[in-house]
Protein backbone atom coordinates (compact mmCIF):
# COMPACT_ATOMS: atom_id res chain seq x y z
CA MET A 1 44.66 66.23 -80.52
CA SER A 2 46.22 67.32 -77.28
CA ILE A 3 49.48 69.32 -77.24
CA TYR A 4 51.06 66.49 -75.21
CA ARG A 5 50.24 63.87 -77.85
CA MET A 6 51.48 66.15 -80.66
CA LYS A 7 54.82 66.65 -78.86
CA LYS A 8 55.10 62.93 -78.28
CA GLN A 9 54.52 62.06 -81.95
CA LEU A 10 56.95 64.76 -83.07
CA ALA A 11 59.59 63.44 -80.69
CA THR A 12 59.04 59.91 -82.05
CA ILE A 13 59.49 61.11 -85.65
CA VAL A 14 62.66 63.03 -84.80
CA PHE A 15 64.11 60.11 -82.87
CA SER A 16 63.31 57.68 -85.71
CA PHE A 17 64.94 59.98 -88.26
CA PHE A 18 67.99 60.42 -86.05
CA ALA A 19 68.29 56.67 -85.56
CA LEU A 20 68.13 56.18 -89.32
CA CYS A 21 70.93 58.73 -89.81
CA VAL A 22 73.01 57.21 -87.05
CA HIS A 23 72.98 53.82 -88.75
CA ALA A 24 73.73 55.31 -92.14
CA ALA A 25 77.24 55.40 -93.57
CA LEU A 26 79.45 58.35 -92.61
CA PRO A 27 78.93 61.05 -95.27
CA MET A 28 81.90 61.69 -97.51
CA ASN A 29 81.49 65.48 -96.91
CA VAL A 30 83.09 65.04 -93.47
CA GLU A 31 86.75 64.11 -93.47
CA CYS A 32 89.85 64.21 -91.32
CA VAL A 33 92.59 66.73 -91.96
CA GLY A 34 96.21 65.77 -91.52
CA THR A 35 97.65 62.34 -90.79
CA ALA A 36 94.92 59.98 -89.61
CA LYS A 37 93.63 56.43 -89.90
CA GLN A 38 89.97 55.53 -90.38
CA VAL A 39 88.79 52.30 -88.76
CA GLU A 40 85.39 50.62 -88.93
CA ASN A 41 84.38 49.07 -85.60
CA GLY A 42 81.11 47.29 -86.34
CA ASN A 43 78.67 50.09 -87.28
CA ASP A 44 80.90 52.77 -85.74
CA THR A 45 83.48 54.84 -87.62
CA LEU A 46 86.64 55.80 -85.73
CA PHE A 47 89.48 58.18 -86.63
CA PHE A 48 92.94 58.00 -85.09
CA PHE A 49 95.12 61.11 -85.42
CA LYS A 50 98.86 61.38 -85.07
CA ASP A 51 99.36 64.96 -83.82
CA GLU A 52 96.08 66.86 -83.44
CA ILE A 53 92.44 66.09 -84.10
CA HIS A 54 91.22 68.15 -87.06
CA MET A 55 87.90 67.50 -88.84
CA LYS A 56 86.45 69.31 -91.85
CA ALA A 57 83.13 69.44 -93.73
CA ASP A 58 82.62 70.60 -97.33
CA THR A 59 80.47 73.50 -96.13
CA VAL A 60 79.49 75.33 -92.97
CA VAL A 61 77.64 73.02 -90.55
CA ASN A 62 76.79 72.72 -86.87
CA TRP A 63 78.95 70.28 -84.90
CA TYR A 64 77.49 68.38 -81.92
CA ARG A 65 78.89 66.01 -79.35
CA THR A 66 77.19 62.63 -79.22
CA ASP A 67 75.57 63.60 -75.90
CA GLY A 68 73.55 66.17 -77.87
CA THR A 69 75.40 69.33 -76.72
CA LEU A 70 76.49 71.83 -79.34
CA PHE A 71 80.26 71.87 -79.81
CA GLN A 72 80.55 74.58 -82.50
CA SER A 73 78.04 76.22 -84.82
CA ASP A 74 78.38 77.54 -88.33
CA ALA A 75 81.88 76.10 -88.83
CA GLU A 76 83.47 74.33 -91.76
CA GLU A 77 86.20 72.72 -89.64
CA ILE A 78 86.90 72.03 -85.98
CA TYR A 79 89.72 70.92 -83.65
CA PRO A 80 87.77 68.80 -81.18
CA ASP A 81 88.82 66.83 -78.13
CA GLU A 82 88.71 63.05 -78.13
CA GLY A 83 85.17 61.68 -78.21
CA GLY A 84 82.10 61.27 -80.40
CA TYR A 85 80.57 63.90 -82.70
CA TYR A 86 77.99 64.35 -85.42
CA ILE A 87 77.00 67.19 -87.75
CA VAL A 88 73.67 68.81 -88.56
CA ARG A 89 73.35 70.39 -91.99
CA GLY A 90 70.20 71.70 -93.57
CA GLY A 91 68.24 70.40 -90.59
CA MET A 92 69.50 66.85 -91.16
CA THR A 93 71.36 64.96 -88.44
CA CYS A 94 73.99 62.57 -89.83
CA ALA A 95 75.80 59.54 -88.53
CA PRO A 96 78.23 60.05 -85.64
CA PHE A 97 81.98 59.50 -85.74
CA TYR A 98 84.57 59.08 -83.00
CA VAL A 99 88.03 60.67 -82.84
CA PHE A 100 91.15 59.76 -80.88
CA LEU A 101 94.64 61.13 -80.53
CA TYR A 102 96.62 57.93 -80.96
CA SER A 103 98.77 56.83 -78.03
CA ASP A 104 101.00 53.82 -77.44
CA ALA A 105 100.01 51.02 -75.15
CA SER A 106 102.18 50.78 -72.08
CA LEU A 107 103.62 47.29 -72.41
CA ASP A 108 106.58 46.03 -70.42
CA SER A 109 107.22 42.45 -71.45
CA LEU A 110 105.93 39.06 -72.54
CA ILE A 111 106.03 36.08 -70.20
CA ILE A 112 106.26 32.65 -71.85
CA THR A 113 105.23 29.41 -70.18
CA PRO A 114 106.08 26.42 -72.39
CA ASP A 115 104.48 23.04 -71.81
CA CYS A 116 104.24 19.73 -73.59
CA ASP A 117 100.75 20.32 -74.98
CA MET A 118 100.69 24.09 -75.46
CA THR A 119 102.61 27.30 -74.85
CA THR A 120 101.06 30.28 -73.06
CA LEU A 121 101.97 33.97 -73.31
CA SER A 122 100.90 36.74 -70.98
CA VAL A 123 101.34 40.50 -71.53
CA VAL A 124 102.75 42.61 -68.70
CA GLY A 125 101.61 46.24 -68.91
CA ASP A 126 98.60 48.39 -69.74
CA ALA A 127 96.76 47.56 -72.96
CA GLN A 128 93.43 49.35 -72.51
CA PRO A 129 91.04 49.43 -75.49
CA PHE A 130 89.87 52.72 -77.01
CA THR A 131 86.42 53.58 -75.58
CA TYR A 132 83.73 56.05 -76.64
CA THR A 133 80.08 56.91 -75.88
CA ARG A 134 77.39 56.52 -78.50
CA PRO A 135 74.36 58.84 -78.84
CA ASP A 136 72.15 56.27 -77.06
CA GLY A 137 74.47 56.29 -74.04
CA THR A 138 76.05 52.88 -74.68
CA THR A 139 79.80 52.46 -74.56
CA GLY A 140 81.78 51.32 -77.58
CA ARG A 141 85.16 49.60 -77.28
CA TYR A 142 87.84 49.11 -79.89
CA ALA A 143 90.36 46.50 -78.79
CA ARG A 144 93.86 46.92 -80.13
CA ALA A 145 94.76 44.35 -82.76
CA CYS A 146 97.99 42.42 -82.34
CA THR A 147 99.89 39.63 -84.04
CA ILE A 148 102.10 36.98 -82.47
CA ASN A 149 104.99 35.78 -84.61
CA TYR A 150 107.21 32.76 -83.99
CA ASN A 151 108.89 29.90 -85.82
CA ASP A 152 107.24 26.51 -85.86
CA LEU A 153 108.48 23.26 -87.39
CA ALA A 154 106.74 21.78 -90.41
CA TRP A 155 107.34 18.43 -92.13
CA ASN A 156 108.10 18.90 -95.83
CA SER A 157 107.93 15.17 -96.76
CA GLU A 158 111.66 14.75 -96.12
CA GLU A 159 112.63 16.70 -92.99
CA TRP A 160 111.51 19.20 -90.39
CA VAL A 161 112.00 22.80 -91.52
CA ASP A 162 111.36 26.19 -89.94
CA SER A 163 107.93 27.50 -90.75
CA ALA A 164 106.91 31.07 -89.90
CA ALA A 165 103.74 31.08 -87.81
CA LEU A 166 101.39 34.02 -87.28
CA MET A 167 98.46 34.40 -84.90
CA ALA A 168 96.02 37.33 -85.05
CA GLU A 169 94.64 38.38 -81.66
CA THR A 170 93.35 41.42 -79.77
CA LEU A 171 95.50 43.05 -77.11
CA ARG A 172 93.97 42.75 -73.65
CA ASN A 173 95.17 42.99 -70.08
CA GLY A 174 95.60 39.87 -68.00
CA VAL A 175 94.94 37.53 -70.92
CA TYR A 176 96.91 34.39 -71.68
CA TYR A 177 97.42 33.70 -75.34
CA THR A 178 97.56 30.01 -76.18
CA LEU A 179 100.05 28.88 -78.80
CA PRO A 180 100.47 25.34 -80.13
CA PRO A 181 103.24 23.25 -78.54
CA LEU A 182 106.68 24.46 -79.64
CA TYR A 183 109.30 21.95 -80.74
CA ALA A 184 112.46 24.08 -80.90
CA ALA A 185 113.98 27.32 -79.63
CA THR A 186 112.38 30.37 -81.27
CA PRO A 187 111.94 34.11 -80.69
CA ILE A 188 108.32 35.10 -80.03
CA THR A 189 107.28 38.63 -81.00
CA LEU A 190 104.00 40.43 -80.27
CA CYS A 191 103.31 43.53 -82.37
CA TYR A 192 100.24 45.73 -81.87
CA ASP A 193 98.31 48.49 -83.72
CA THR A 194 100.31 47.67 -86.85
CA ASP A 195 97.79 49.05 -89.40
CA ILE A 196 97.19 52.24 -87.42
CA ARG A 197 100.87 52.89 -86.83
CA MET A 198 101.73 52.28 -90.47
CA ALA A 199 99.06 54.76 -91.60
CA LEU A 200 100.34 57.34 -89.12
CA GLY A 201 103.94 56.89 -90.23
CA LEU A 202 105.05 55.40 -86.91
CA ASP A 203 107.54 52.60 -86.39
CA SER A 204 106.33 49.17 -85.39
CA ALA A 205 105.55 48.62 -81.74
CA CYS A 206 106.60 45.16 -80.56
CA ILE A 207 107.67 43.29 -77.47
CA GLN A 208 109.59 40.04 -77.56
CA THR A 209 110.51 36.98 -75.59
CA GLU A 210 112.23 33.74 -76.56
CA LEU A 211 111.86 30.03 -76.07
CA ILE A 212 115.46 28.99 -75.36
CA GLU A 213 117.21 25.67 -75.85
CA ASP A 214 116.95 24.69 -72.17
CA SER A 215 113.20 25.25 -72.01
CA VAL A 216 110.52 22.60 -72.11
CA HIS A 217 110.11 21.64 -75.77
CA ALA A 218 107.37 19.40 -77.06
CA VAL A 219 108.42 16.39 -79.12
CA LYS A 220 106.99 14.90 -82.25
CA ILE A 221 107.83 12.23 -84.82
CA GLN A 222 107.06 11.61 -88.46
CA LEU A 223 107.42 7.97 -89.46
CA THR A 224 108.85 7.07 -92.84
CA SER A 225 110.02 3.74 -94.19
CA LEU A 226 112.29 2.32 -96.84
CA VAL A 227 111.67 -1.14 -98.27
CA THR A 228 114.57 -3.33 -99.35
CA THR A 229 113.84 -4.59 -102.88
CA ARG A 230 115.55 -7.11 -105.08
CA GLY A 231 116.85 -6.53 -108.58
CA GLN A 232 115.61 -4.08 -111.17
CA ASP A 233 112.01 -3.12 -111.76
CA GLY A 234 111.79 -5.52 -114.68
CA GLU A 235 113.10 -8.40 -112.60
CA ARG A 236 110.44 -7.72 -109.98
CA SER A 237 107.58 -7.59 -112.42
CA ASN A 238 106.54 -11.19 -111.75
CA GLU A 239 106.45 -10.76 -107.95
CA ARG A 240 103.14 -9.68 -106.56
CA ASN A 241 102.65 -6.84 -104.04
CA ARG A 242 106.16 -5.70 -103.24
CA PRO A 243 106.46 -1.93 -102.59
CA THR A 244 109.24 -0.25 -104.51
CA SER A 245 109.26 3.30 -103.14
CA GLN A 246 110.11 5.09 -99.94
CA ASP A 247 106.49 5.82 -99.18
CA LEU A 248 105.20 4.87 -95.77
CA ILE A 249 103.85 1.35 -96.10
CA THR A 250 100.45 1.02 -94.54
CA GLY A 251 97.12 -0.61 -95.14
CA SER A 252 98.08 -2.99 -97.95
CA GLU A 253 99.24 -6.56 -98.38
CA TYR A 254 102.81 -7.23 -99.40
CA SER A 255 104.95 -10.19 -100.26
CA GLY A 256 107.31 -11.56 -97.66
CA PRO A 257 109.94 -11.72 -96.53
CA LEU A 258 109.80 -7.93 -96.45
CA GLU A 259 112.78 -6.07 -94.97
CA VAL A 260 111.84 -2.55 -93.95
CA ALA A 261 113.86 0.27 -92.41
CA PHE A 262 111.74 2.53 -90.21
CA TYR A 263 112.80 6.11 -89.45
CA SER A 264 111.25 8.08 -86.59
CA ASN A 265 112.33 11.53 -87.86
CA PRO A 266 112.00 13.22 -84.45
CA THR A 267 111.95 16.92 -83.63
CA PRO A 268 115.18 18.17 -81.98
CA ALA A 269 114.16 17.76 -78.32
CA ALA A 270 113.42 14.02 -78.57
CA LYS A 271 115.79 11.81 -76.58
CA PHE A 272 114.16 8.48 -75.78
CA PHE A 273 112.57 6.10 -78.28
CA SER A 274 110.36 3.07 -77.90
CA TRP A 275 109.36 0.76 -80.77
CA SER A 276 106.85 -2.06 -80.42
CA ILE A 277 105.98 -4.53 -83.16
CA TYR A 278 102.77 -6.52 -82.86
CA ARG A 279 101.52 -9.46 -84.92
CA THR A 280 97.79 -10.17 -84.69
CA GLY A 281 97.75 -8.39 -81.33
CA ASP A 282 100.77 -10.14 -79.79
CA LEU A 283 103.94 -8.20 -78.99
CA ILE A 284 106.77 -9.89 -80.90
CA ALA A 285 109.63 -7.36 -80.78
CA THR A 286 110.75 -4.17 -79.03
CA ARG A 287 113.53 -1.73 -79.84
CA ARG A 288 115.02 1.38 -78.20
CA ASP A 289 116.90 2.90 -81.14
CA GLN A 290 115.95 6.06 -82.99
CA ASP A 291 115.59 4.09 -86.25
CA ILE A 292 115.10 0.37 -86.69
CA ARG A 293 115.16 -2.34 -89.35
CA TYR A 294 112.86 -5.36 -89.29
CA THR A 295 112.13 -8.33 -91.58
CA PHE A 296 108.51 -9.44 -91.86
CA SER A 297 108.49 -13.12 -92.79
CA GLN A 298 105.36 -14.79 -91.51
CA PRO A 299 102.03 -13.91 -93.14
CA GLY A 300 99.62 -11.86 -91.09
CA GLY A 301 98.89 -8.33 -89.97
CA TYR A 302 101.50 -6.28 -88.13
CA ARG A 303 101.45 -2.99 -86.24
CA VAL A 304 104.64 -0.98 -85.82
CA VAL A 305 104.27 1.59 -83.02
CA CYS A 306 106.82 4.27 -82.18
CA LYS A 307 106.79 6.57 -79.14
CA VAL A 308 109.28 9.31 -78.38
CA LYS A 309 109.83 11.51 -75.34
CA ASN A 310 112.29 13.71 -73.50
CA GLU A 311 112.57 14.43 -69.78
CA TYR A 312 109.22 16.23 -69.82
CA CYS A 313 107.09 15.32 -72.79
CA THR A 314 105.80 12.18 -74.50
CA SER A 315 104.54 12.56 -78.02
CA ASP A 316 101.42 11.03 -79.40
CA SER A 317 102.66 7.76 -80.78
CA MET A 318 102.58 7.05 -84.48
CA GLU A 319 102.01 3.68 -85.99
CA VAL A 320 101.94 1.97 -89.37
CA THR A 321 100.42 -1.32 -90.40
CA VAL A 322 102.04 -3.98 -92.53
CA SER A 323 100.18 -6.98 -93.90
CA ILE A 324 102.16 -9.92 -95.25
CA SER A 325 100.23 -12.16 -97.63
CA GLU A 326 100.20 -15.93 -97.69
CA SER A 327 102.59 -17.48 -100.18
CA TYR A 328 101.59 -18.03 -103.80
CA LEU A 329 103.18 -19.72 -106.83
CA ALA A 330 101.79 -20.04 -110.37
CA VAL A 331 103.48 -21.33 -113.53
CA PRO A 332 102.62 -20.36 -117.15
CA ASN A 333 102.32 -22.97 -119.91
CA VAL A 334 103.93 -20.99 -122.73
CA PHE A 335 106.52 -18.25 -123.32
CA THR A 336 107.67 -16.49 -126.51
CA PRO A 337 111.29 -15.28 -126.44
CA ASP A 338 111.08 -12.97 -129.49
CA ASN A 339 113.18 -10.11 -128.09
CA ASP A 340 110.20 -7.94 -128.91
CA PRO A 341 109.84 -5.20 -126.24
CA GLY A 342 106.13 -4.91 -126.96
CA GLN A 343 105.40 -8.55 -126.19
CA LYS A 344 104.86 -10.28 -122.87
CA ASN A 345 106.18 -13.66 -121.75
CA GLU A 346 109.65 -13.00 -123.16
CA GLU A 347 111.02 -15.31 -120.47
CA PHE A 348 109.79 -18.35 -118.64
CA ARG A 349 109.01 -16.89 -115.22
CA VAL A 350 106.75 -17.91 -112.39
CA ALA A 351 104.32 -15.57 -110.66
CA TYR A 352 104.91 -15.67 -106.94
CA ARG A 353 104.42 -14.05 -103.57
CA SER A 354 106.07 -14.50 -100.17
CA LEU A 355 108.63 -17.20 -101.03
CA ARG A 356 111.71 -17.79 -98.90
CA GLU A 357 113.16 -20.65 -100.98
CA PHE A 358 112.92 -21.46 -104.70
CA HIS A 359 114.56 -23.77 -107.23
CA CYS A 360 113.49 -24.54 -110.79
CA TRP A 361 114.97 -27.05 -113.26
CA VAL A 362 114.17 -27.14 -117.00
CA TYR A 363 114.76 -30.32 -119.07
CA ASN A 364 114.46 -31.02 -122.80
CA ARG A 365 112.40 -33.92 -124.16
CA TRP A 366 115.33 -36.31 -123.73
CA GLY A 367 115.73 -35.49 -120.05
CA LYS A 368 118.80 -33.31 -120.34
CA LEU A 369 118.99 -30.37 -117.92
CA VAL A 370 119.14 -27.17 -119.99
CA TYR A 371 118.67 -24.48 -117.33
CA GLU A 372 118.08 -23.94 -113.61
CA TRP A 373 117.77 -20.92 -111.30
CA THR A 374 117.08 -20.13 -107.64
CA ASP A 375 115.78 -16.57 -107.70
CA PRO A 376 112.01 -16.52 -108.34
CA ALA A 377 112.32 -12.95 -109.62
CA LYS A 378 114.33 -14.25 -112.59
CA GLY A 379 113.69 -16.85 -115.29
CA TRP A 380 114.82 -18.66 -118.43
CA ASP A 381 115.28 -16.55 -121.57
CA GLY A 382 114.93 -19.52 -123.96
CA THR A 383 118.63 -19.97 -124.77
CA ILE A 384 121.00 -22.89 -124.19
CA ASN A 385 124.66 -22.00 -123.88
CA GLY A 386 123.90 -18.61 -125.41
CA ARG A 387 122.06 -20.01 -128.44
CA PRO A 388 118.31 -19.93 -129.04
CA ALA A 389 116.68 -23.17 -127.93
CA SER A 390 114.44 -25.04 -130.33
CA GLU A 391 110.72 -24.53 -130.26
CA GLY A 392 108.65 -27.13 -128.53
CA ALA A 393 107.78 -28.52 -125.14
CA TYR A 394 110.19 -28.54 -122.22
CA TYR A 395 109.71 -30.09 -118.84
CA TYR A 396 110.11 -28.14 -115.58
CA VAL A 397 110.40 -29.20 -111.96
CA ILE A 398 109.93 -26.62 -109.18
CA ARG A 399 110.51 -26.79 -105.47
CA ALA A 400 109.69 -23.80 -103.29
CA LEU A 401 108.90 -22.89 -99.72
CA GLY A 402 106.67 -20.01 -98.74
CA THR A 403 107.22 -17.80 -95.71
CA ASP A 404 104.14 -19.47 -94.24
CA ALA A 405 105.74 -22.94 -94.34
CA VAL A 406 106.80 -24.46 -91.03
CA LYS A 407 110.44 -23.98 -90.09
CA ASN A 408 111.54 -27.58 -90.82
CA ALA A 409 109.28 -28.22 -93.81
CA LYS A 410 110.51 -31.08 -96.07
CA TYR A 411 109.97 -31.98 -99.69
CA ILE A 412 108.76 -35.35 -100.87
CA GLY A 413 111.19 -37.40 -102.97
CA LYS A 414 113.90 -36.12 -105.27
CA ALA A 415 113.58 -33.51 -107.97
CA SER A 416 114.49 -34.92 -111.41
CA PHE A 417 113.22 -35.39 -114.93
CA LYS A 418 112.29 -38.96 -114.08
CA LYS A 419 110.01 -37.80 -111.28
CA LYS A 420 106.92 -37.21 -113.35
CA LYS A 421 104.73 -36.43 -110.37
CA MET A 422 106.15 -33.61 -108.22
CA LYS A 423 103.08 -33.00 -106.12
CA ALA A 424 103.48 -31.78 -102.54
CA ASP A 425 101.33 -32.91 -99.66
CA GLU A 426 98.47 -30.40 -99.77
CA SER A 427 98.28 -30.44 -95.96
CA LEU A 428 101.75 -28.87 -95.84
CA ILE A 429 101.07 -25.14 -96.07
CA GLY A 430 103.61 -23.17 -98.07
CA VAL A 431 105.37 -26.25 -99.55
CA TYR A 432 105.39 -26.31 -103.37
CA GLN A 433 106.45 -29.30 -105.49
CA MET A 434 105.35 -28.72 -109.05
CA SER A 435 106.14 -30.18 -112.46
CA GLY A 436 104.77 -29.91 -115.97
CA CYS A 437 105.35 -28.76 -119.52
CA ILE A 438 106.36 -25.29 -120.66
CA ASN A 439 105.96 -24.58 -124.39
CA LEU A 440 108.57 -22.43 -126.13
CA LEU A 441 107.18 -20.63 -129.19
CA ARG A 442 108.93 -18.24 -131.53
CA GLY A 443 107.37 -15.75 -133.87
CA LYS A 444 104.48 -13.45 -133.17
CA ARG A 445 101.34 -15.11 -132.01
């Protein structure tokens, strides 16, 4: 084998071994002395010192710069300049490390540019990254970490409240940081090198600006609704599909007429409001108030759309859907007024939906009127003048109009015990004329 080939193979072996050591973890027998912070930057290990750079090994070693030149031989500790180094001990070359004397960035100010869709920040000053040269000649860069703190608004199911917001970034020159749209005045603070400074016992380094009241603020709404209900929960139990809570009504069918208060709940900068109510695609009402109240009477699907803006910004509109069902009326054939809380049918009540008019008369077998009422949510408790009525069959007559009946809908004939057939014209939608027997039973069935 030629001398040239032997040198080439030997060089390849040495280079491979060195590369293996370079990519190994930094040995624990090399450490910094004094106040310092160790940082991992990818596969590179960096040390930041507060006052002077002072490195130490657990025994006497040779210290080299990463360009391969000897820095100091047969030394247990060194005071090097900034840069990259590695040690050779027992003929073994170990992974390099990089040392810096920490220095502040030279930052002057933050410039804020608010807009309707986003807010931008730019840093004025010098925020150069820490750079170093690796053994292979490539340049490593460690960008300074920074955080941007400000107050945002968050909806907590009842109101807008301040919510601390934090963005993690890297500090760079000439870079615009993009924040979400801001809805209210807030200080904006950028702090950098926080972990390093804390480890070195230094105070925080921050610069600040502020979004003031007169700036461009984005606007936003959060729709809520409150449904007007009738009576107590028990009195409503026979009415189908009527919401009873303050939840936003959307995507379900409800009984009409349904009176709903809508609240836009805007962020502070909102000034102008626009409400549009659509039924099956047709615009049927508009409003300009911050909050509105509307009664849904006719069956069908509705869309309630709210938009809000100020002099500069228009929010994404929010909308809810309301579906009013067709009217419905059903009558039981028996009820058992036992005053037993565990039993059903304690009263003679109809099941209904979307009624705007109701009247029921109850007669005994001799044609005497014993009870009548006009609220479909209520009923007859089986008493006459405060005394329990006798068991047996009673005769009822009902007249009712649904919200889907035409405005001037009329009943046929008069309602009385003598009118044995109270049947409405089936072609008249939403007109109910009903009669029949209701059986009153006492005792457990």
